[in-house]
Amino acid sequence: MIKGSVLAISGVVFSGGEPTLQKDALLALAKTAKSLGLAVGIHTNGVYPDTLSALIENRLVDHVALDIKARWARYNNLFRVNCVESVQKSLALCRTAQKNGTLPEFEVVITLFRGYEDEVPLIAQEAGDVDIVLQQGVTESVRPLSEAEMKKIADTLARAVRIRTREGGEIVYEGDRSRRASRKRQG
């Protein structure tokens, strides 16, 4: 499927379920995509840092979007599994790889659900100077945050962020200097 699309695409993004769960298959797919001259992106929950490490070490990934879903103190209860250390390891790995040039693009995606807005500054602080994406969380049981509400949350960070909503797509938000992003959310 990838080979047949090479003339129409410039890259591939592997996303959930959780792509890093299947390490060998993902490495093989990424290697094939790179051999075809395509960029490779991964959207991950960070639970499998060894897979991310292998992708980065072998220069098989160009962009990692790490979805951090909650503040660390709430993480293990939220997922009912002890995974916070793995996600922290993935965050540190990707930050270091971006800093030393072995990972060209890295962003932390915070999927926001109503009632957990106060966690955003804590997650952003952990992310450090990494690009932050505030992504609208959508579930049947809770009304999603609006773009305007997400802008108010972003204002507390005092930094540029990208905001993704179903209604408005993606914007680069820099307070009152916001603009629509040229790329729309993929997958």
N, C-alpha and C. Protein backbone atom coordinates (compact mmCIF):
# COMPACT_ATOMS: atom_id res chain seq x y z
N MET A 1 0.81 -1.19 0.00
CA MET A 1 0.00 0.00 0.00
C MET A 1 0.86 1.26 0.00
N ILE A 2 1.93 1.28 0.81
CA ILE A 2 2.81 2.44 0.86
C ILE A 2 3.50 2.62 -0.50
N LYS A 3 4.04 1.54 -1.06
CA LYS A 3 4.75 1.63 -2.33
C LYS A 3 3.87 2.19 -3.44
N GLY A 4 2.62 1.80 -3.45
CA GLY A 4 1.70 2.26 -4.48
C GLY A 4 1.29 3.71 -4.34
N SER A 5 1.59 4.32 -3.21
CA SER A 5 1.19 5.71 -2.96
C SER A 5 2.34 6.70 -3.03
N VAL A 6 3.53 6.25 -3.29
CA VAL A 6 4.73 7.09 -3.21
C VAL A 6 4.62 8.37 -4.04
N LEU A 7 3.99 8.32 -5.19
CA LEU A 7 3.88 9.51 -6.03
C LEU A 7 2.94 10.57 -5.43
N ALA A 8 2.07 10.17 -4.53
CA ALA A 8 1.06 11.09 -3.99
C ALA A 8 1.33 11.53 -2.56
N ILE A 9 2.32 10.95 -1.89
CA ILE A 9 2.57 11.27 -0.48
C ILE A 9 4.04 11.59 -0.24
N SER A 10 4.29 12.29 0.85
CA SER A 10 5.67 12.59 1.21
C SER A 10 6.09 11.89 2.50
N GLY A 11 5.12 11.27 3.18
CA GLY A 11 5.44 10.59 4.42
C GLY A 11 4.29 9.74 4.91
N VAL A 12 4.57 8.97 5.96
CA VAL A 12 3.57 8.14 6.60
C VAL A 12 3.61 8.40 8.09
N VAL A 13 2.44 8.27 8.73
CA VAL A 13 2.34 8.41 10.18
C VAL A 13 1.74 7.12 10.72
N PHE A 14 2.43 6.53 11.67
CA PHE A 14 1.94 5.34 12.33
C PHE A 14 1.31 5.77 13.65
N SER A 15 0.05 5.37 13.85
CA SER A 15 -0.66 5.78 15.06
C SER A 15 -1.51 4.62 15.57
N GLY A 16 -2.36 4.89 16.54
CA GLY A 16 -3.06 3.90 17.32
C GLY A 16 -4.14 3.11 16.65
N GLY A 17 -4.43 2.21 17.52
CA GLY A 17 -3.93 1.60 18.75
C GLY A 17 -2.64 2.22 19.18
N GLU A 18 -1.68 1.40 19.44
CA GLU A 18 -0.35 1.86 19.83
C GLU A 18 0.69 1.22 18.92
N PRO A 19 1.26 1.99 17.98
CA PRO A 19 2.17 1.42 16.99
C PRO A 19 3.45 0.85 17.57
N THR A 20 3.94 1.40 18.68
CA THR A 20 5.22 0.93 19.22
C THR A 20 5.08 -0.40 19.96
N LEU A 21 3.86 -0.89 20.13
CA LEU A 21 3.63 -2.19 20.75
C LEU A 21 4.21 -3.31 19.90
N GLN A 22 4.19 -3.14 18.58
CA GLN A 22 4.67 -4.16 17.65
C GLN A 22 6.02 -3.72 17.09
N LYS A 23 7.04 -3.81 17.90
CA LYS A 23 8.36 -3.26 17.59
C LYS A 23 8.91 -3.75 16.25
N ASP A 24 9.00 -5.05 16.05
CA ASP A 24 9.63 -5.57 14.83
C ASP A 24 8.86 -5.15 13.58
N ALA A 25 7.54 -5.24 13.63
CA ALA A 25 6.72 -4.85 12.47
C ALA A 25 6.88 -3.36 12.18
N LEU A 26 6.88 -2.54 13.23
CA LEU A 26 7.01 -1.09 13.04
C LEU A 26 8.39 -0.74 12.47
N LEU A 27 9.42 -1.36 12.98
CA LEU A 27 10.77 -1.10 12.45
C LEU A 27 10.85 -1.48 10.97
N ALA A 28 10.26 -2.61 10.61
CA ALA A 28 10.28 -3.04 9.20
C ALA A 28 9.50 -2.07 8.32
N LEU A 29 8.33 -1.64 8.76
CA LEU A 29 7.53 -0.69 7.99
C LEU A 29 8.24 0.66 7.85
N ALA A 30 8.82 1.13 8.95
CA ALA A 30 9.54 2.41 8.91
C ALA A 30 10.75 2.32 7.98
N LYS A 31 11.46 1.21 8.03
CA LYS A 31 12.62 1.01 7.16
C LYS A 31 12.20 1.02 5.69
N THR A 32 11.10 0.36 5.39
CA THR A 32 10.58 0.35 4.01
C THR A 32 10.20 1.75 3.57
N ALA A 33 9.49 2.47 4.43
CA ALA A 33 9.07 3.84 4.10
C ALA A 33 10.28 4.73 3.86
N LYS A 34 11.28 4.64 4.71
CA LYS A 34 12.50 5.45 4.54
C LYS A 34 13.22 5.08 3.25
N SER A 35 13.26 3.78 2.91
CA SER A 35 13.94 3.36 1.68
C SER A 35 13.24 3.90 0.44
N LEU A 36 11.96 4.25 0.58
CA LEU A 36 11.19 4.84 -0.52
C LEU A 36 11.28 6.37 -0.53
N GLY A 37 12.10 6.91 0.37
CA GLY A 37 12.27 8.35 0.44
C GLY A 37 11.18 9.09 1.19
N LEU A 38 10.42 8.37 2.00
CA LEU A 38 9.31 8.98 2.73
C LEU A 38 9.72 9.36 4.15
N ALA A 39 9.14 10.43 4.65
CA ALA A 39 9.30 10.80 6.05
C ALA A 39 8.43 9.86 6.88
N VAL A 40 8.84 9.62 8.13
CA VAL A 40 8.10 8.72 9.01
C VAL A 40 7.75 9.46 10.30
N GLY A 41 6.48 9.41 10.65
CA GLY A 41 6.00 9.97 11.91
C GLY A 41 5.37 8.89 12.76
N ILE A 42 5.44 9.10 14.07
CA ILE A 42 4.86 8.17 15.04
C ILE A 42 4.02 8.99 16.00
N HIS A 43 2.79 8.55 16.25
CA HIS A 43 1.96 9.11 17.32
C HIS A 43 1.84 8.01 18.36
N THR A 44 2.39 8.27 19.56
CA THR A 44 2.55 7.21 20.55
C THR A 44 2.14 7.67 21.94
N ASN A 45 1.79 6.70 22.78
CA ASN A 45 1.53 7.00 24.18
C ASN A 45 2.81 6.90 25.01
N GLY A 46 3.90 6.47 24.40
CA GLY A 46 5.20 6.44 25.08
C GLY A 46 5.43 5.27 26.00
N VAL A 47 4.56 4.30 26.01
CA VAL A 47 4.68 3.18 26.95
C VAL A 47 5.80 2.21 26.56
N TYR A 48 6.27 2.28 25.31
CA TYR A 48 7.31 1.36 24.84
C TYR A 48 8.55 2.15 24.41
N PRO A 49 9.31 2.67 25.35
CA PRO A 49 10.47 3.50 25.01
C PRO A 49 11.56 2.74 24.24
N ASP A 50 11.65 1.43 24.42
CA ASP A 50 12.67 0.66 23.69
C ASP A 50 12.41 0.70 22.19
N THR A 51 11.14 0.69 21.79
CA THR A 51 10.80 0.78 20.37
C THR A 51 11.17 2.16 19.84
N LEU A 52 10.83 3.20 20.60
CA LEU A 52 11.21 4.56 20.18
C LEU A 52 12.72 4.69 20.07
N SER A 53 13.43 4.13 21.02
CA SER A 53 14.89 4.19 21.00
C SER A 53 15.45 3.53 19.74
N ALA A 54 14.93 2.36 19.37
CA ALA A 54 15.40 1.67 18.17
C ALA A 54 15.09 2.49 16.92
N LEU A 55 13.91 3.10 16.85
CA LEU A 55 13.57 3.94 15.69
C LEU A 55 14.53 5.12 15.58
N ILE A 56 14.80 5.76 16.70
CA ILE A 56 15.68 6.94 16.69
C ILE A 56 17.12 6.54 16.38
N GLU A 57 17.61 5.51 17.05
CA GLU A 57 18.99 5.06 16.83
C GLU A 57 19.25 4.67 15.37
N ASN A 58 18.26 4.08 14.74
CA ASN A 58 18.40 3.65 13.35
C ASN A 58 17.95 4.72 12.35
N ARG A 59 17.65 5.90 12.87
CA ARG A 59 17.21 7.04 12.04
C ARG A 59 16.04 6.67 11.13
N LEU A 60 15.06 6.01 11.75
CA LEU A 60 13.88 5.56 11.02
C LEU A 60 12.64 6.40 11.32
N VAL A 61 12.80 7.48 12.09
CA VAL A 61 11.67 8.33 12.44
C VAL A 61 12.08 9.80 12.33
N ASP A 62 11.17 10.59 11.76
CA ASP A 62 11.42 12.02 11.58
C ASP A 62 10.61 12.88 12.53
N HIS A 63 9.49 12.34 13.01
CA HIS A 63 8.58 13.10 13.86
C HIS A 63 7.94 12.18 14.89
N VAL A 64 8.01 12.58 16.16
CA VAL A 64 7.32 11.84 17.21
C VAL A 64 6.34 12.79 17.89
N ALA A 65 5.10 12.35 17.97
CA ALA A 65 4.07 13.04 18.76
C ALA A 65 3.80 12.15 19.97
N LEU A 66 4.21 12.62 21.14
CA LEU A 66 4.06 11.86 22.38
C LEU A 66 2.83 12.38 23.11
N ASP A 67 1.85 11.53 23.26
CA ASP A 67 0.59 11.90 23.89
C ASP A 67 0.70 11.68 25.40
N ILE A 68 0.80 12.77 26.15
CA ILE A 68 0.83 12.69 27.61
C ILE A 68 -0.58 13.02 28.09
N LYS A 69 -1.21 12.07 28.73
CA LYS A 69 -2.64 12.14 28.99
C LYS A 69 -3.02 12.72 30.35
N ALA A 70 -2.07 12.86 31.27
CA ALA A 70 -2.40 13.34 32.61
C ALA A 70 -1.12 13.74 33.33
N ARG A 71 -1.28 14.38 34.48
CA ARG A 71 -0.11 14.66 35.31
C ARG A 71 0.40 13.33 35.85
N TRP A 72 1.69 13.27 36.17
CA TRP A 72 2.31 12.00 36.55
C TRP A 72 1.61 11.35 37.74
N ALA A 73 1.20 12.15 38.72
CA ALA A 73 0.60 11.59 39.94
C ALA A 73 -0.70 10.84 39.66
N ARG A 74 -1.35 11.11 38.55
CA ARG A 74 -2.63 10.48 38.22
C ARG A 74 -2.50 9.41 37.14
N TYR A 75 -1.34 9.30 36.54
CA TYR A 75 -1.16 8.44 35.37
C TYR A 75 -1.49 6.97 35.60
N ASN A 76 -0.85 6.37 36.58
CA ASN A 76 -1.03 4.93 36.79
C ASN A 76 -2.47 4.58 37.16
N ASN A 77 -3.14 5.43 37.94
CA ASN A 77 -4.54 5.18 38.28
C ASN A 77 -5.43 5.31 37.05
N LEU A 78 -5.14 6.27 36.19
CA LEU A 78 -5.92 6.49 34.99
C LEU A 78 -5.90 5.27 34.07
N PHE A 79 -4.73 4.66 33.93
CA PHE A 79 -4.57 3.54 33.00
C PHE A 79 -4.60 2.17 33.66
N ARG A 80 -4.67 2.17 34.99
CA ARG A 80 -4.73 0.92 35.76
C ARG A 80 -3.55 0.00 35.46
N VAL A 81 -2.44 0.62 35.13
CA VAL A 81 -1.21 -0.12 34.88
C VAL A 81 -0.05 0.82 35.22
N ASN A 82 1.05 0.26 35.68
CA ASN A 82 2.20 1.07 36.07
C ASN A 82 3.02 1.42 34.82
N CYS A 83 2.72 2.58 34.23
CA CYS A 83 3.40 2.95 32.99
C CYS A 83 4.07 4.32 33.05
N VAL A 84 3.94 5.02 34.15
CA VAL A 84 4.45 6.39 34.20
C VAL A 84 5.96 6.45 33.96
N GLU A 85 6.71 5.52 34.49
CA GLU A 85 8.16 5.54 34.30
C GLU A 85 8.53 5.33 32.82
N SER A 86 7.78 4.49 32.14
CA SER A 86 8.04 4.26 30.71
C SER A 86 7.77 5.53 29.90
N VAL A 87 6.67 6.22 30.21
CA VAL A 87 6.34 7.44 29.49
C VAL A 87 7.37 8.53 29.80
N GLN A 88 7.79 8.62 31.04
CA GLN A 88 8.84 9.59 31.40
C GLN A 88 10.14 9.28 30.66
N LYS A 89 10.46 8.00 30.53
CA LYS A 89 11.67 7.60 29.80
C LYS A 89 11.55 7.98 28.33
N SER A 90 10.37 7.78 27.73
CA SER A 90 10.13 8.17 26.33
C SER A 90 10.27 9.67 26.16
N LEU A 91 9.72 10.44 27.08
CA LEU A 91 9.83 11.90 27.02
C LEU A 91 11.29 12.33 27.06
N ALA A 92 12.05 11.79 28.00
CA ALA A 92 13.47 12.15 28.12
C ALA A 92 14.25 11.73 26.87
N LEU A 93 13.98 10.54 26.38
CA LEU A 93 14.65 10.03 25.18
C LEU A 93 14.41 10.95 23.98
N CYS A 94 13.15 11.30 23.76
CA CYS A 94 12.82 12.14 22.61
C CYS A 94 13.36 13.56 22.76
N ARG A 95 13.31 14.11 23.96
CA ARG A 95 13.87 15.45 24.18
C ARG A 95 15.36 15.46 23.88
N THR A 96 16.06 14.46 24.36
CA THR A 96 17.51 14.36 24.12
C THR A 96 17.80 14.17 22.64
N ALA A 97 17.04 13.29 21.99
CA ALA A 97 17.27 13.02 20.56
C ALA A 97 16.99 14.26 19.72
N GLN A 98 15.98 15.02 20.07
CA GLN A 98 15.71 16.25 19.33
C GLN A 98 16.85 17.25 19.55
N LYS A 99 17.28 17.36 20.78
CA LYS A 99 18.35 18.30 21.11
C LYS A 99 19.66 17.97 20.38
N ASN A 100 19.97 16.67 20.26
CA ASN A 100 21.23 16.30 19.60
C ASN A 100 21.08 16.07 18.10
N GLY A 101 19.87 16.28 17.57
CA GLY A 101 19.68 16.24 16.12
C GLY A 101 19.33 14.89 15.53
N THR A 102 19.17 13.85 16.36
CA THR A 102 18.82 12.54 15.81
C THR A 102 17.31 12.35 15.65
N LEU A 103 16.52 13.29 16.18
CA LEU A 103 15.08 13.30 15.99
C LEU A 103 14.69 14.70 15.51
N PRO A 104 14.41 14.84 14.22
CA PRO A 104 14.16 16.18 13.68
C PRO A 104 12.98 16.92 14.30
N GLU A 105 11.88 16.23 14.58
CA GLU A 105 10.69 16.90 15.12
C GLU A 105 10.12 16.10 16.28
N PHE A 106 9.77 16.84 17.35
CA PHE A 106 9.18 16.21 18.52
C PHE A 106 8.17 17.16 19.13
N GLU A 107 7.00 16.62 19.47
CA GLU A 107 5.97 17.42 20.12
C GLU A 107 5.29 16.59 21.20
N VAL A 108 4.80 17.29 22.22
CA VAL A 108 4.00 16.66 23.25
C VAL A 108 2.55 17.05 22.99
N VAL A 109 1.70 16.05 22.88
CA VAL A 109 0.28 16.26 22.64
C VAL A 109 -0.45 16.04 23.97
N ILE A 110 -1.22 17.04 24.38
CA ILE A 110 -2.02 16.94 25.59
C ILE A 110 -3.48 16.88 25.15
N THR A 111 -4.09 15.72 25.30
CA THR A 111 -5.49 15.58 24.94
C THR A 111 -6.32 16.04 26.13
N LEU A 112 -7.07 17.12 25.91
CA LEU A 112 -7.78 17.79 27.00
C LEU A 112 -9.22 17.37 27.13
N PHE A 113 -9.59 16.99 28.33
CA PHE A 113 -10.98 16.69 28.65
C PHE A 113 -11.44 17.65 29.74
N ARG A 114 -12.67 18.07 29.64
CA ARG A 114 -13.26 18.98 30.61
C ARG A 114 -13.07 18.43 32.02
N GLY A 115 -12.68 19.31 32.93
CA GLY A 115 -12.46 18.92 34.31
C GLY A 115 -10.99 18.68 34.65
N TYR A 116 -10.14 18.62 33.63
CA TYR A 116 -8.71 18.36 33.86
C TYR A 116 -7.83 19.48 33.30
N GLU A 117 -8.42 20.64 33.10
CA GLU A 117 -7.69 21.78 32.54
C GLU A 117 -6.49 22.18 33.39
N ASP A 118 -6.59 21.99 34.72
CA ASP A 118 -5.51 22.40 35.62
C ASP A 118 -4.25 21.55 35.47
N GLU A 119 -4.33 20.45 34.75
CA GLU A 119 -3.16 19.59 34.56
C GLU A 119 -2.23 20.09 33.45
N VAL A 120 -2.76 20.93 32.56
CA VAL A 120 -1.98 21.38 31.40
C VAL A 120 -0.67 22.07 31.81
N PRO A 121 -0.68 23.03 32.74
CA PRO A 121 0.60 23.65 33.10
C PRO A 121 1.61 22.66 33.68
N LEU A 122 1.14 21.66 34.41
CA LEU A 122 2.05 20.66 34.99
C LEU A 122 2.69 19.81 33.89
N ILE A 123 1.88 19.41 32.91
CA ILE A 123 2.40 18.61 31.80
C ILE A 123 3.35 19.44 30.95
N ALA A 124 2.97 20.69 30.67
CA ALA A 124 3.83 21.57 29.87
C ALA A 124 5.16 21.81 30.56
N GLN A 125 5.15 21.93 31.87
CA GLN A 125 6.40 22.11 32.62
C GLN A 125 7.29 20.88 32.47
N GLU A 126 6.70 19.69 32.55
CA GLU A 126 7.47 18.46 32.36
C GLU A 126 8.04 18.37 30.94
N ALA A 127 7.27 18.83 29.96
CA ALA A 127 7.71 18.78 28.56
C ALA A 127 8.90 19.69 28.31
N GLY A 128 8.99 20.78 29.06
CA GLY A 128 10.08 21.72 28.87
C GLY A 128 9.86 22.56 27.62
N ASP A 129 10.91 22.76 26.85
CA ASP A 129 10.83 23.64 25.69
C ASP A 129 10.35 22.92 24.42
N VAL A 130 9.80 21.74 24.56
CA VAL A 130 9.26 20.97 23.44
C VAL A 130 7.97 21.62 22.95
N ASP A 131 7.69 21.51 21.65
CA ASP A 131 6.43 22.01 21.11
C ASP A 131 5.26 21.32 21.82
N ILE A 132 4.22 22.12 22.12
CA ILE A 132 3.04 21.61 22.81
C ILE A 132 1.83 21.71 21.88
N VAL A 133 1.05 20.65 21.84
CA VAL A 133 -0.22 20.62 21.11
C VAL A 133 -1.32 20.36 22.13
N LEU A 134 -2.31 21.25 22.17
CA LEU A 134 -3.49 21.02 22.99
C LEU A 134 -4.55 20.45 22.06
N GLN A 135 -4.93 19.22 22.29
CA GLN A 135 -5.85 18.51 21.41
C GLN A 135 -7.18 18.30 22.12
N GLN A 136 -8.25 18.64 21.47
CA GLN A 136 -9.59 18.52 22.03
C GLN A 136 -9.93 17.05 22.26
N GLY A 137 -10.16 16.69 23.52
CA GLY A 137 -10.61 15.34 23.84
C GLY A 137 -12.11 15.23 23.60
N VAL A 138 -12.51 14.15 22.97
CA VAL A 138 -13.92 13.96 22.64
C VAL A 138 -14.36 12.60 23.18
N THR A 139 -15.42 12.64 23.97
CA THR A 139 -16.03 11.43 24.50
C THR A 139 -17.53 11.67 24.60
N GLU A 140 -18.29 10.61 24.57
CA GLU A 140 -19.75 10.75 24.61
C GLU A 140 -20.25 11.30 25.94
N SER A 141 -19.53 11.05 27.02
CA SER A 141 -20.05 11.38 28.34
C SER A 141 -19.76 12.81 28.81
N VAL A 142 -18.85 13.51 28.16
CA VAL A 142 -18.47 14.85 28.59
C VAL A 142 -18.42 15.79 27.38
N ARG A 143 -19.02 16.97 27.53
CA ARG A 143 -18.99 17.96 26.45
C ARG A 143 -17.54 18.40 26.23
N PRO A 144 -17.05 18.39 24.99
CA PRO A 144 -15.66 18.78 24.73
C PRO A 144 -15.44 20.27 24.99
N LEU A 145 -14.21 20.60 25.31
CA LEU A 145 -13.82 22.00 25.46
C LEU A 145 -13.87 22.67 24.09
N SER A 146 -14.31 23.90 24.05
CA SER A 146 -14.36 24.66 22.81
C SER A 146 -12.97 25.23 22.50
N GLU A 147 -12.82 25.71 21.28
CA GLU A 147 -11.55 26.35 20.91
C GLU A 147 -11.29 27.56 21.81
N ALA A 148 -12.31 28.33 22.12
CA ALA A 148 -12.15 29.50 22.99
C ALA A 148 -11.70 29.09 24.39
N GLU A 149 -12.27 28.01 24.92
CA GLU A 149 -11.84 27.53 26.23
C GLU A 149 -10.40 27.03 26.20
N MET A 150 -10.03 26.40 25.11
CA MET A 150 -8.66 25.90 24.98
C MET A 150 -7.67 27.05 24.87
N LYS A 151 -8.08 28.13 24.22
CA LYS A 151 -7.22 29.33 24.15
C LYS A 151 -6.97 29.90 25.54
N LYS A 152 -8.00 29.92 26.38
CA LYS A 152 -7.82 30.43 27.76
C LYS A 152 -6.83 29.56 28.53
N ILE A 153 -6.90 28.26 28.31
CA ILE A 153 -5.94 27.35 28.96
C ILE A 153 -4.53 27.62 28.43
N ALA A 154 -4.42 27.80 27.13
CA ALA A 154 -3.11 28.09 26.52
C ALA A 154 -2.53 29.39 27.05
N ASP A 155 -3.39 30.38 27.32
CA ASP A 155 -2.91 31.65 27.84
C ASP A 155 -2.16 31.48 29.16
N THR A 156 -2.49 30.47 29.94
CA THR A 156 -1.81 30.25 31.23
C THR A 156 -0.38 29.75 31.04
N LEU A 157 -0.05 29.29 29.83
CA LEU A 157 1.28 28.75 29.57
C LEU A 157 2.28 29.82 29.15
N ALA A 158 1.79 30.95 28.66
CA ALA A 158 2.66 32.05 28.21
C ALA A 158 3.68 31.57 27.18
N ARG A 159 3.20 30.79 26.22
CA ARG A 159 4.05 30.30 25.13
C ARG A 159 3.16 29.94 23.95
N ALA A 160 3.73 29.87 22.79
CA ALA A 160 2.98 29.45 21.60
C ALA A 160 2.67 27.96 21.71
N VAL A 161 1.46 27.60 21.32
CA VAL A 161 1.04 26.20 21.27
C VAL A 161 0.23 26.01 20.00
N ARG A 162 0.02 24.76 19.63
CA ARG A 162 -0.94 24.47 18.58
C ARG A 162 -2.19 23.92 19.26
N ILE A 163 -3.34 24.33 18.76
CA ILE A 163 -4.61 23.86 19.29
C ILE A 163 -5.34 23.12 18.18
N ARG A 164 -5.79 21.90 18.50
CA ARG A 164 -6.52 21.09 17.52
C ARG A 164 -7.94 20.83 18.04
N THR A 165 -8.92 21.17 17.21
CA THR A 165 -10.31 20.87 17.54
C THR A 165 -10.99 20.28 16.31
N ARG A 166 -12.07 19.58 16.54
CA ARG A 166 -12.84 19.05 15.41
C ARG A 166 -13.42 20.17 14.57
N GLU A 167 -13.87 21.23 15.25
CA GLU A 167 -14.55 22.32 14.54
C GLU A 167 -13.59 23.18 13.72
N GLY A 168 -12.44 23.50 14.28
CA GLY A 168 -11.54 24.46 13.64
C GLY A 168 -10.27 23.89 13.06
N GLY A 169 -10.08 22.58 13.16
CA GLY A 169 -8.82 22.01 12.68
C GLY A 169 -7.69 22.40 13.62
N GLU A 170 -6.58 22.82 13.06
CA GLU A 170 -5.41 23.16 13.86
C GLU A 170 -5.07 24.63 13.68
N ILE A 171 -4.80 25.30 14.81
CA ILE A 171 -4.32 26.68 14.77
C ILE A 171 -3.03 26.77 15.56
N VAL A 172 -2.19 27.71 15.16
CA VAL A 172 -1.04 28.07 15.97
C VAL A 172 -1.52 29.22 16.84
N TYR A 173 -1.47 29.02 18.15
CA TYR A 173 -2.01 30.02 19.08
C TYR A 173 -0.87 30.71 19.81
N GLU A 174 -0.81 32.01 19.59
CA GLU A 174 0.20 32.84 20.25
C GLU A 174 -0.51 34.04 20.88
N GLY A 175 -1.53 33.77 21.66
CA GLY A 175 -2.34 34.85 22.21
C GLY A 175 -3.12 35.50 21.09
N ASP A 176 -3.09 36.79 21.01
CA ASP A 176 -3.87 37.49 20.00
C ASP A 176 -3.19 37.49 18.62
N ARG A 177 -2.06 36.82 18.47
CA ARG A 177 -1.40 36.72 17.16
C ARG A 177 -1.61 35.34 16.54
N SER A 178 -2.73 34.71 16.83
CA SER A 178 -3.01 33.34 16.36
C SER A 178 -3.22 33.30 14.86
N ARG A 179 -2.99 32.11 14.30
CA ARG A 179 -3.23 31.91 12.87
C ARG A 179 -3.58 30.45 12.63
N ARG A 180 -4.33 30.22 11.59
CA ARG A 180 -4.65 28.84 11.22
C ARG A 180 -3.38 28.17 10.73
N ALA A 181 -3.16 26.95 11.15
CA ALA A 181 -1.98 26.21 10.71
C ALA A 181 -2.18 25.75 9.28
N SER A 182 -1.08 25.64 8.56
CA SER A 182 -1.18 25.23 7.16
C SER A 182 -1.47 23.75 7.01
N ARG A 183 -1.14 22.96 8.00
CA ARG A 183 -1.44 21.53 7.89
C ARG A 183 -2.60 21.19 8.81
N LYS A 184 -3.43 20.33 8.34
CA LYS A 184 -4.56 19.85 9.13
C LYS A 184 -4.13 18.59 9.89
N ARG A 185 -4.82 18.31 10.95
CA ARG A 185 -4.54 17.12 11.74
C ARG A 185 -4.66 15.89 10.88
N GLN A 186 -3.69 14.99 11.02
CA GLN A 186 -3.71 13.73 10.28
C GLN A 186 -4.23 12.63 11.20
N GLY A 187 -4.93 11.67 10.57
CA GLY A 187 -5.36 10.47 11.22
C GLY A 187 -6.09 10.65 12.45
